Amino acid sequence: MYISEIIKNRINELGITWYRLWKITGIGWGTFERLKENPNNRVSSINLIKIANALEIDLNEFKKIDGSEINDSRNSN
């Protein structure tokens, strides 16, 4: 399972839109576009935390995915 699938499932459960999630999190719209277009796209750890908080998802839920999909951009040298 990919991060985008977890997010999409939770969005559907809550009955909100990607646009609403964007407004709640303050994350750049391009991040959401990339997630929607390419489900295995990387997400920085800070953005993942913002998304998890907005959707009330336990961060442990993301442990079910391939760890290579999570990227802390501060350590990507």
Protein backbone atom coordinates (compact mmCIF):
# COMPACT_ATOMS: atom_id res chain seq x y z
CA MET A 1 0.00 0.00 0.00
CA TYR A 2 1.20 3.52 -0.81
CA ILE A 3 0.94 6.71 1.23
CA SER A 4 -1.46 8.16 -1.31
CA GLU A 5 -3.80 5.16 -0.92
CA ILE A 6 -3.90 5.58 2.86
CA ILE A 7 -4.61 9.29 2.44
CA LYS A 8 -7.25 8.73 -0.23
CA ASN A 9 -9.04 6.11 1.88
CA ARG A 10 -9.09 8.41 4.91
CA ILE A 11 -10.28 11.39 2.84
CA ASN A 12 -13.16 9.26 1.59
CA GLU A 13 -13.99 8.10 5.12
CA LEU A 14 -14.09 11.70 6.36
CA GLY A 15 -15.98 12.95 3.31
CA ILE A 16 -13.51 15.74 2.55
CA THR A 17 -11.63 16.66 -0.60
CA TRP A 18 -7.95 16.92 -1.46
CA TYR A 19 -8.54 20.67 -1.67
CA ARG A 20 -9.82 20.74 1.92
CA LEU A 21 -6.83 18.70 3.09
CA TRP A 22 -4.56 21.15 1.31
CA LYS A 23 -6.18 24.08 3.13
CA ILE A 24 -5.99 22.33 6.52
CA THR A 25 -2.33 21.30 6.22
CA GLY A 26 -0.88 24.34 4.47
CA ILE A 27 1.26 22.02 2.35
CA GLY A 28 1.98 23.16 -1.21
CA TRP A 29 -0.64 22.08 -3.74
CA GLY A 30 2.10 20.55 -5.90
CA THR A 31 2.74 17.92 -3.21
CA PHE A 32 -0.86 16.76 -3.44
CA GLU A 33 -0.80 16.82 -7.24
CA ARG A 34 2.28 14.60 -7.24
CA LEU A 35 0.67 12.19 -4.76
CA LYS A 36 -2.51 11.96 -6.84
CA GLU A 37 -0.66 11.48 -10.13
CA ASN A 38 2.09 9.17 -8.87
CA PRO A 39 0.99 7.08 -5.86
CA ASN A 40 4.53 5.98 -5.01
CA ASN A 41 5.87 9.54 -4.87
CA ARG A 42 7.95 10.49 -1.84
CA VAL A 43 6.64 12.67 0.96
CA SER A 44 8.83 14.52 3.44
CA SER A 45 8.44 13.47 7.05
CA ILE A 46 7.19 16.93 8.09
CA ASN A 47 4.47 16.85 5.42
CA LEU A 48 3.55 13.32 6.40
CA ILE A 49 3.09 14.47 10.00
CA LYS A 50 0.92 17.40 8.88
CA ILE A 51 -1.25 15.08 6.77
CA ALA A 52 -1.54 12.51 9.55
CA ASN A 53 -2.57 15.19 12.04
CA ALA A 54 -5.15 16.69 9.67
CA LEU A 55 -6.67 13.29 8.91
CA GLU A 56 -6.34 12.00 12.47
CA ILE A 57 -4.22 9.07 11.30
CA ASP A 58 -1.84 7.37 13.70
CA LEU A 59 1.66 7.64 12.22
CA ASN A 60 2.04 3.90 12.83
CA GLU A 61 -0.46 3.42 10.01
CA PHE A 62 2.25 4.51 7.61
CA LYS A 63 4.55 1.71 8.81
CA LYS A 64 2.49 -0.62 6.62
CA ILE A 65 4.09 0.89 3.53
CA ASP A 66 7.48 0.46 1.97
CA GLY A 67 9.86 2.62 4.03
CA SER A 68 11.60 3.88 0.92
CA GLU A 69 8.56 5.98 0.17
CA ILE A 70 9.10 8.16 3.24
CA ASN A 71 11.81 10.76 2.84
CA ASP A 72 13.05 13.38 5.25
CA SER A 73 14.12 16.10 2.80
CA ARG A 74 16.55 17.55 5.34
CA ASN A 75 18.64 14.37 5.11
CA SER A 76 18.53 13.79 1.36
CA ASN A 77 22.04 14.93 0.48
